[in-house]
Amino acid sequence: MRMARARILDAGIGLIGLAVVLAAMSIASSVFAPVAFALFLIALLWPLQKQLQAWMPRLLALAASTLVLVATFVAFVSLIAWGFGRVARWVIVNVGRFQGLYDRMAAWLEEQGIAVASLWADHFNVGWLLGPMQKLTSQVNTTLSFWVVVLVYVILGLLEVDGTARKIEALPNRTAVHVLKEGSAQTGARIRRYMAVRTLMSLLTGALVWIFAVAFGLPLAREWGVIAFALNYIPFIGPFIATLFPTLLAMVEFESWQAVVAIFVGLNVIQAVVGSYVEPRLSGTALSMSPFVVLFSIFLWTFLWGLSGTFIGVPITVAVLTFCAHHPDTRWLAVLLGSPDDKGTDVIEPTPRLESRTG
């Protein structure tokens, strides 16, 4: 009885501590979010940095790695700005067609005797479509300082990776050494595999959306392909947005509602096949999380850090569960929240020799 009460008390204290940590991360997001992004990018860049250091001076290798990072970032942002910018201009040019669609919908609702139809017609206009695009543009413009801070952290972090590894190896607690070394190595490997598969699936999704849009005669086919490619990096939320926008455009482009339904269904089939069938078979144990945990982590980190949390929420959760899997006291949490098909066999448990030397 006393042991049960102690366990309940420990669980309560743990939940309170977790709530305090999450609240601190939300309040101090300007401090923690750049660090999280920097660690994520260091995990991606370190293999390149390590290979370059093998045959050139470390500072020169660091400059080359930084140049690769900046060039990739600029190219990605340019693609997003080009795609959404072209769509926004098309919407502005065809604003009358969208307003006409809203008027027809309002008239149809009035014919059905729905009382809110007049309120819909008065307040729901094309500005609701331009709002999210303008907000996205504003978000990009106001986060320049954020990315500058992230870049500084990445440069400093790449310089300190080797030194940090030596410090970890010198720790007296061998279980802590095992958890930090193996957890860091496996976290980096899983994040790199996750991003490689995500990039490949984003390219496939963008190509299929472009081909589908061309086949149906949907305007801005290339732009929809680029947008689908970029938004596919954001699980669940990104594919939904990439499906919604072309469907809204199809509603004013085609007179037939059957064509609109066909476009909506076709885009969702592409997203479902690539995201739910092809990608899991390529990623293997890279994600090692149940779909429920993936979705929860996306919404949790979006709530805490906004758009940046939406992108990095899954990698953060991957890292947390990977470290948990390498410690005997927290391995149960990684197994419980892991993929239903993952039995945790890839996790290296501490050896008896390491446990006996734990200080």
Protein backbone atom coordinates (compact mmCIF):
# COMPACT_ATOMS: atom_id res chain seq x y z
CA MET A 1 0.00 0.00 0.00
CA ARG A 2 2.80 2.36 0.93
CA MET A 3 4.69 1.49 -2.27
CA ALA A 4 1.60 2.15 -4.37
CA ARG A 5 1.20 5.57 -2.78
CA ALA A 6 4.86 6.32 -3.40
CA ARG A 7 4.50 5.42 -7.08
CA ILE A 8 1.41 7.60 -7.42
CA LEU A 9 3.27 10.45 -5.73
CA ASP A 10 6.27 10.02 -8.05
CA ALA A 11 3.99 9.98 -11.08
CA GLY A 12 2.25 13.14 -9.89
CA ILE A 13 5.56 14.91 -9.31
CA GLY A 14 6.73 13.80 -12.75
CA LEU A 15 3.62 15.18 -14.45
CA ILE A 16 3.95 18.47 -12.58
CA GLY A 17 7.61 18.69 -13.58
CA LEU A 18 6.74 17.97 -17.22
CA ALA A 19 4.06 20.69 -17.16
CA VAL A 20 6.55 23.19 -15.70
CA VAL A 21 9.14 22.33 -18.36
CA LEU A 22 6.64 22.70 -21.20
CA ALA A 23 5.38 26.00 -19.77
CA ALA A 24 8.96 27.27 -19.56
CA MET A 25 9.59 26.23 -23.17
CA SER A 26 6.48 28.08 -24.28
CA ILE A 27 7.28 31.24 -22.34
CA ALA A 28 10.94 31.24 -23.37
CA SER A 29 10.37 29.98 -26.91
CA SER A 30 12.70 32.65 -28.30
CA VAL A 31 15.49 31.00 -26.29
CA PHE A 32 14.73 27.29 -26.63
CA ALA A 33 13.42 27.11 -30.21
CA PRO A 34 16.67 28.32 -31.87
CA VAL A 35 18.67 25.83 -29.77
CA ALA A 36 16.36 22.97 -30.79
CA PHE A 37 16.61 23.90 -34.46
CA ALA A 38 20.38 24.22 -34.19
CA LEU A 39 20.73 20.74 -32.65
CA PHE A 40 18.48 19.37 -35.39
CA LEU A 41 20.64 20.94 -38.12
CA ILE A 42 23.86 19.83 -36.42
CA ALA A 43 22.57 16.25 -36.47
CA LEU A 44 22.03 16.60 -40.22
CA LEU A 45 25.31 18.37 -40.98
CA TRP A 46 27.74 16.53 -38.72
CA PRO A 47 28.49 13.59 -41.09
CA LEU A 48 29.40 16.09 -43.84
CA GLN A 49 31.48 18.15 -41.44
CA LYS A 50 33.28 15.03 -40.19
CA GLN A 51 34.12 13.85 -43.71
CA LEU A 52 35.39 17.28 -44.75
CA GLN A 53 37.54 17.54 -41.61
CA ALA A 54 39.31 14.32 -42.62
CA TRP A 55 41.03 15.99 -45.59
CA MET A 56 40.95 19.76 -44.93
CA PRO A 57 41.40 22.14 -41.97
CA ARG A 58 38.49 22.20 -39.53
CA LEU A 59 37.62 25.86 -40.09
CA LEU A 60 37.60 25.40 -43.85
CA ALA A 61 35.38 22.34 -43.46
CA LEU A 62 33.09 24.38 -41.21
CA ALA A 63 32.86 27.12 -43.86
CA ALA A 64 31.96 24.54 -46.52
CA SER A 65 29.29 22.93 -44.30
CA THR A 66 27.83 26.35 -43.46
CA LEU A 67 27.73 27.27 -47.14
CA VAL A 68 25.82 24.05 -47.92
CA LEU A 69 23.33 24.82 -45.14
CA VAL A 70 22.76 28.43 -46.24
CA ALA A 71 22.42 27.48 -49.92
CA THR A 72 19.88 24.76 -49.08
CA PHE A 73 17.88 27.15 -46.89
CA VAL A 74 17.85 29.91 -49.51
CA ALA A 75 16.77 27.49 -52.23
CA PHE A 76 13.97 26.06 -50.10
CA VAL A 77 12.64 29.48 -49.05
CA SER A 78 12.83 30.70 -52.65
CA LEU A 79 10.73 27.76 -53.83
CA ILE A 80 8.09 28.42 -51.17
CA ALA A 81 8.00 32.16 -51.90
CA TRP A 82 7.74 31.51 -55.65
CA GLY A 83 4.91 28.98 -55.30
CA PHE A 84 2.77 30.90 -52.83
CA GLY A 85 3.54 34.20 -54.53
CA ARG A 86 2.27 32.93 -57.88
CA VAL A 87 -0.88 31.53 -56.26
CA ALA A 88 -1.51 34.80 -54.39
CA ARG A 89 -1.21 36.82 -57.60
CA TRP A 90 -3.60 34.47 -59.38
CA VAL A 91 -6.12 34.85 -56.55
CA ILE A 92 -5.86 38.65 -56.66
CA VAL A 93 -6.36 38.72 -60.44
CA ASN A 94 -9.39 36.40 -60.15
CA VAL A 95 -10.85 37.93 -56.98
CA GLY A 96 -14.17 38.56 -58.74
CA ARG A 97 -14.57 34.87 -59.55
CA PHE A 98 -14.07 33.92 -55.92
CA GLN A 99 -16.58 36.53 -54.79
CA GLY A 100 -19.03 35.20 -57.37
CA LEU A 101 -18.58 31.69 -55.96
CA TYR A 102 -19.36 32.94 -52.46
CA ASP A 103 -22.45 34.77 -53.75
CA ARG A 104 -23.73 31.62 -55.49
CA MET A 105 -23.17 29.57 -52.36
CA ALA A 106 -24.99 32.16 -50.27
CA ALA A 107 -27.92 32.22 -52.73
CA TRP A 108 -28.14 28.43 -52.67
CA LEU A 109 -28.19 28.44 -48.87
CA GLU A 110 -30.96 31.04 -48.92
CA GLU A 111 -32.99 28.81 -51.23
CA GLN A 112 -32.59 26.00 -48.71
CA GLY A 113 -33.97 28.25 -45.98
CA ILE A 114 -30.77 28.41 -43.93
CA ALA A 115 -30.92 31.57 -41.82
CA VAL A 116 -27.16 32.06 -41.58
CA ALA A 117 -26.81 32.43 -45.33
CA SER A 118 -27.09 36.24 -45.23
CA LEU A 119 -24.50 36.43 -42.46
CA TRP A 120 -22.23 34.21 -44.59
CA ALA A 121 -22.61 36.51 -47.59
CA ASP A 122 -21.90 39.64 -45.52
CA HIS A 123 -18.79 38.45 -43.72
CA PHE A 124 -17.21 35.58 -45.66
CA ASN A 125 -15.25 37.08 -48.54
CA VAL A 126 -12.03 36.61 -50.45
CA GLY A 127 -10.07 38.30 -47.68
CA TRP A 128 -10.37 35.04 -45.76
CA LEU A 129 -8.35 33.35 -48.48
CA LEU A 130 -5.67 36.02 -48.64
CA GLY A 131 -5.34 36.16 -44.84
CA PRO A 132 -3.38 32.91 -44.40
CA MET A 133 -1.05 33.77 -47.30
CA GLN A 134 -0.37 37.25 -45.91
CA LYS A 135 0.21 35.77 -42.46
CA LEU A 136 2.68 33.26 -43.89
CA THR A 137 4.56 36.04 -45.71
CA SER A 138 4.67 38.12 -42.53
CA GLN A 139 5.94 35.14 -40.56
CA VAL A 140 8.79 34.62 -43.03
CA ASN A 141 9.76 38.29 -42.88
CA THR A 142 9.76 38.43 -39.06
CA THR A 143 11.82 35.29 -38.48
CA LEU A 144 15.02 36.43 -40.17
CA SER A 145 16.64 37.17 -36.81
CA PHE A 146 15.55 33.72 -35.59
CA TRP A 147 17.46 32.00 -38.40
CA VAL A 148 20.51 34.19 -37.86
CA VAL A 149 20.62 33.04 -34.23
CA VAL A 150 20.14 29.43 -35.34
CA LEU A 151 23.03 29.76 -37.80
CA VAL A 152 25.32 31.09 -35.07
CA TYR A 153 24.37 28.18 -32.80
CA VAL A 154 25.02 25.70 -35.62
CA ILE A 155 28.48 27.11 -36.32
CA LEU A 156 29.44 27.04 -32.65
CA GLY A 157 27.91 23.61 -32.16
CA LEU A 158 29.80 22.04 -35.08
CA LEU A 159 33.03 23.38 -33.61
CA GLU A 160 32.29 21.78 -30.22
CA VAL A 161 31.05 18.32 -31.25
CA ASP A 162 34.42 16.62 -30.84
CA GLY A 163 35.14 18.36 -27.54
CA THR A 164 31.70 17.48 -26.18
CA ALA A 165 32.24 13.82 -27.12
CA ARG A 166 35.50 13.77 -25.15
CA LYS A 167 33.79 15.34 -22.14
CA ILE A 168 31.04 12.74 -22.23
CA GLU A 169 33.59 9.91 -22.43
CA ALA A 170 35.34 11.28 -19.32
CA LEU A 171 32.20 11.19 -17.15
CA PRO A 172 32.49 8.79 -14.17
CA ASN A 173 28.92 7.48 -14.55
CA ARG A 174 29.27 4.86 -17.29
CA THR A 175 25.52 4.43 -17.72
CA ALA A 176 25.25 8.18 -18.38
CA VAL A 177 28.11 7.85 -20.88
CA HIS A 178 26.30 5.01 -22.63
CA VAL A 179 22.98 6.87 -22.75
CA LEU A 180 24.52 10.09 -24.06
CA LYS A 181 26.81 8.44 -26.63
CA GLU A 182 24.44 5.80 -27.96
CA GLY A 183 21.41 8.09 -27.67
CA SER A 184 23.12 10.90 -29.57
CA ALA A 185 24.44 8.60 -32.28
CA GLN A 186 21.11 6.85 -32.82
CA THR A 187 19.14 10.12 -32.62
CA GLY A 188 21.33 11.65 -35.32
CA ALA A 189 21.02 8.56 -37.51
CA ARG A 190 17.23 8.44 -37.12
CA ILE A 191 16.80 12.14 -37.83
CA ARG A 192 18.99 11.92 -40.93
CA ARG A 193 17.08 8.88 -42.20
CA TYR A 194 13.77 10.57 -41.39
CA MET A 195 14.74 13.70 -43.34
CA ALA A 196 16.16 11.71 -46.26
CA VAL A 197 12.95 9.70 -46.60
CA ARG A 198 10.84 12.82 -46.05
CA THR A 199 12.74 14.63 -48.83
CA LEU A 200 12.35 11.71 -51.23
CA MET A 201 8.62 11.45 -50.45
CA SER A 202 8.22 15.22 -50.81
CA LEU A 203 9.77 15.08 -54.27
CA LEU A 204 7.50 12.17 -55.21
CA THR A 205 4.42 13.95 -53.84
CA GLY A 206 5.26 17.19 -55.66
CA ALA A 207 5.82 15.36 -58.94
CA LEU A 208 2.56 13.40 -58.66
CA VAL A 209 0.56 16.53 -57.74
CA TRP A 210 2.06 18.39 -60.72
CA ILE A 211 1.23 15.54 -63.11
CA PHE A 212 -2.28 15.25 -61.67
CA ALA A 213 -2.90 19.01 -61.99
CA VAL A 214 -1.68 19.00 -65.61
CA ALA A 215 -3.89 16.01 -66.44
CA PHE A 216 -6.99 17.76 -65.04
CA GLY A 217 -6.16 21.13 -66.59
CA LEU A 218 -5.84 22.83 -63.19
CA PRO A 219 -4.13 26.24 -63.40
CA LEU A 220 -0.76 26.72 -61.67
CA ALA A 221 0.16 23.03 -61.97
CA ARG A 222 3.87 23.64 -61.34
CA GLU A 223 3.09 25.86 -58.40
CA TRP A 224 0.87 23.23 -56.78
CA GLY A 225 3.64 20.68 -57.24
CA VAL A 226 6.17 22.96 -55.55
CA ILE A 227 3.76 23.76 -52.71
CA ALA A 228 3.00 20.07 -52.19
CA PHE A 229 6.75 19.35 -52.09
CA ALA A 230 7.44 22.07 -49.51
CA LEU A 231 4.44 21.43 -47.26
CA ASN A 232 5.03 17.68 -47.20
CA TYR A 233 7.82 18.32 -44.69
CA ILE A 234 5.10 19.18 -42.15
CA PRO A 235 3.30 15.90 -41.32
CA PHE A 236 -0.52 15.84 -41.45
CA ILE A 237 -1.01 19.63 -41.50
CA GLY A 238 1.11 20.30 -44.61
CA PRO A 239 -0.58 17.73 -46.88
CA PHE A 240 -3.99 18.98 -45.74
CA ILE A 241 -3.16 22.54 -46.78
CA ALA A 242 -1.61 21.34 -50.04
CA THR A 243 -4.90 19.57 -50.82
CA LEU A 244 -7.24 22.34 -49.67
CA PHE A 245 -5.84 25.22 -51.74
CA PRO A 246 -6.02 23.49 -55.17
CA THR A 247 -9.55 22.33 -54.35
CA LEU A 248 -10.63 25.92 -53.60
CA LEU A 249 -9.15 27.05 -56.91
CA ALA A 250 -10.92 24.20 -58.72
CA MET A 251 -14.24 25.44 -57.32
CA VAL A 252 -13.96 28.65 -59.35
CA GLU A 253 -12.16 27.14 -62.34
CA PHE A 254 -14.60 24.32 -63.13
CA GLU A 255 -18.35 24.55 -63.44
CA SER A 256 -18.91 20.87 -62.63
CA TRP A 257 -18.95 19.87 -58.98
CA GLN A 258 -17.96 16.37 -60.09
CA ALA A 259 -14.65 17.76 -61.34
CA VAL A 260 -14.06 19.50 -58.01
CA VAL A 261 -14.78 16.29 -56.08
CA ALA A 262 -12.51 14.32 -58.43
CA ILE A 263 -9.63 16.77 -57.84
CA PHE A 264 -10.15 16.70 -54.07
CA VAL A 265 -10.27 12.89 -54.01
CA GLY A 266 -7.32 12.52 -56.38
CA LEU A 267 -5.07 14.81 -54.33
CA ASN A 268 -6.02 13.00 -51.13
CA VAL A 269 -5.29 9.64 -52.74
CA ILE A 270 -1.82 10.87 -53.69
CA GLN A 271 -1.16 12.09 -50.15
CA ALA A 272 -2.54 8.89 -48.60
CA VAL A 273 -0.62 6.50 -50.83
CA VAL A 274 2.70 8.31 -50.46
CA GLY A 275 2.35 9.25 -46.79
CA SER A 276 0.61 6.17 -45.40
CA TYR A 277 1.89 3.35 -47.63
CA VAL A 278 5.17 4.18 -49.39
CA GLU A 279 6.88 6.34 -46.76
CA PRO A 280 6.45 3.99 -43.74
CA ARG A 281 8.02 1.15 -45.71
CA LEU A 282 11.04 3.25 -46.59
CA SER A 283 11.55 4.93 -43.22
CA GLY A 284 11.52 1.66 -41.25
CA THR A 285 12.45 2.36 -37.63
CA ALA A 286 13.49 5.97 -38.32
CA LEU A 287 10.28 7.31 -36.79
CA SER A 288 9.56 4.51 -34.27
CA MET A 289 6.44 6.30 -32.99
CA SER A 290 2.78 5.49 -33.09
CA PRO A 291 0.68 7.69 -35.43
CA PHE A 292 -1.14 9.06 -32.37
CA VAL A 293 2.14 10.24 -30.82
CA VAL A 294 3.22 11.78 -34.15
CA LEU A 295 0.01 13.79 -34.43
CA PHE A 296 0.07 14.77 -30.75
CA SER A 297 3.69 15.95 -30.97
CA ILE A 298 2.85 18.10 -34.01
CA PHE A 299 -0.03 19.85 -32.26
CA LEU A 300 1.85 20.12 -28.95
CA TRP A 301 4.92 21.80 -30.40
CA THR A 302 2.78 23.95 -32.69
CA PHE A 303 0.98 25.20 -29.60
CA LEU A 304 4.28 25.84 -27.81
CA TRP A 305 6.37 27.34 -30.63
CA GLY A 306 4.03 28.12 -33.51
CA LEU A 307 5.08 27.39 -37.09
CA SER A 308 8.63 26.44 -36.11
CA GLY A 309 7.25 23.90 -33.65
CA THR A 310 5.08 22.39 -36.38
CA PHE A 311 8.15 21.56 -38.43
CA ILE A 312 10.46 20.38 -35.66
CA GLY A 313 7.94 18.72 -33.34
CA VAL A 314 8.41 15.21 -34.74
CA PRO A 315 12.25 15.29 -34.66
CA ILE A 316 12.16 16.52 -31.05
CA THR A 317 9.90 13.65 -30.04
CA VAL A 318 12.10 11.19 -31.95
CA ALA A 319 15.11 12.45 -29.98
CA VAL A 320 13.34 12.25 -26.61
CA LEU A 321 12.10 8.70 -27.16
CA THR A 322 15.47 7.57 -28.51
CA PHE A 323 17.26 8.76 -25.36
CA CYS A 324 14.55 7.20 -23.21
CA ALA A 325 15.08 3.88 -25.01
CA HIS A 326 18.74 3.78 -23.95
CA HIS A 327 18.15 4.05 -20.21
CA PRO A 328 16.68 1.11 -18.24
CA ASP A 329 14.47 3.40 -16.14
CA THR A 330 12.79 5.10 -19.09
CA ARG A 331 12.92 2.41 -21.78
CA TRP A 332 9.30 1.48 -21.01
CA LEU A 333 8.21 4.93 -22.18
CA ALA A 334 9.91 4.50 -25.57
CA VAL A 335 8.31 1.06 -25.97
CA LEU A 336 4.88 2.33 -24.91
CA LEU A 337 4.89 5.33 -27.25
CA GLY A 338 6.73 3.63 -30.10
CA SER A 339 5.34 2.21 -33.29
CA PRO A 340 2.96 -0.75 -32.84
CA ASP A 341 5.25 -2.78 -35.13
CA ASP A 342 8.44 -1.79 -33.29
CA LYS A 343 9.46 -4.20 -30.54
CA GLY A 344 12.44 -2.14 -29.49
CA THR A 345 14.91 -4.76 -30.69
CA ASP A 346 17.16 -2.13 -32.23
CA VAL A 347 17.84 -0.52 -28.86
CA ILE A 348 21.19 -1.33 -27.27
CA GLU A 349 20.65 -1.86 -23.57
CA PRO A 350 23.38 -1.09 -21.03
CA THR A 351 25.62 -4.08 -20.46
CA PRO A 352 26.01 -5.57 -16.97
CA ARG A 353 29.60 -4.29 -16.88
CA LEU A 354 28.45 -0.71 -17.44
CA GLU A 355 25.66 -0.99 -14.87
CA SER A 356 28.01 -2.39 -12.25
CA ARG A 357 30.31 0.61 -12.68
CA THR A 358 27.53 3.17 -12.38
CA GLY A 359 28.56 5.83 -9.96
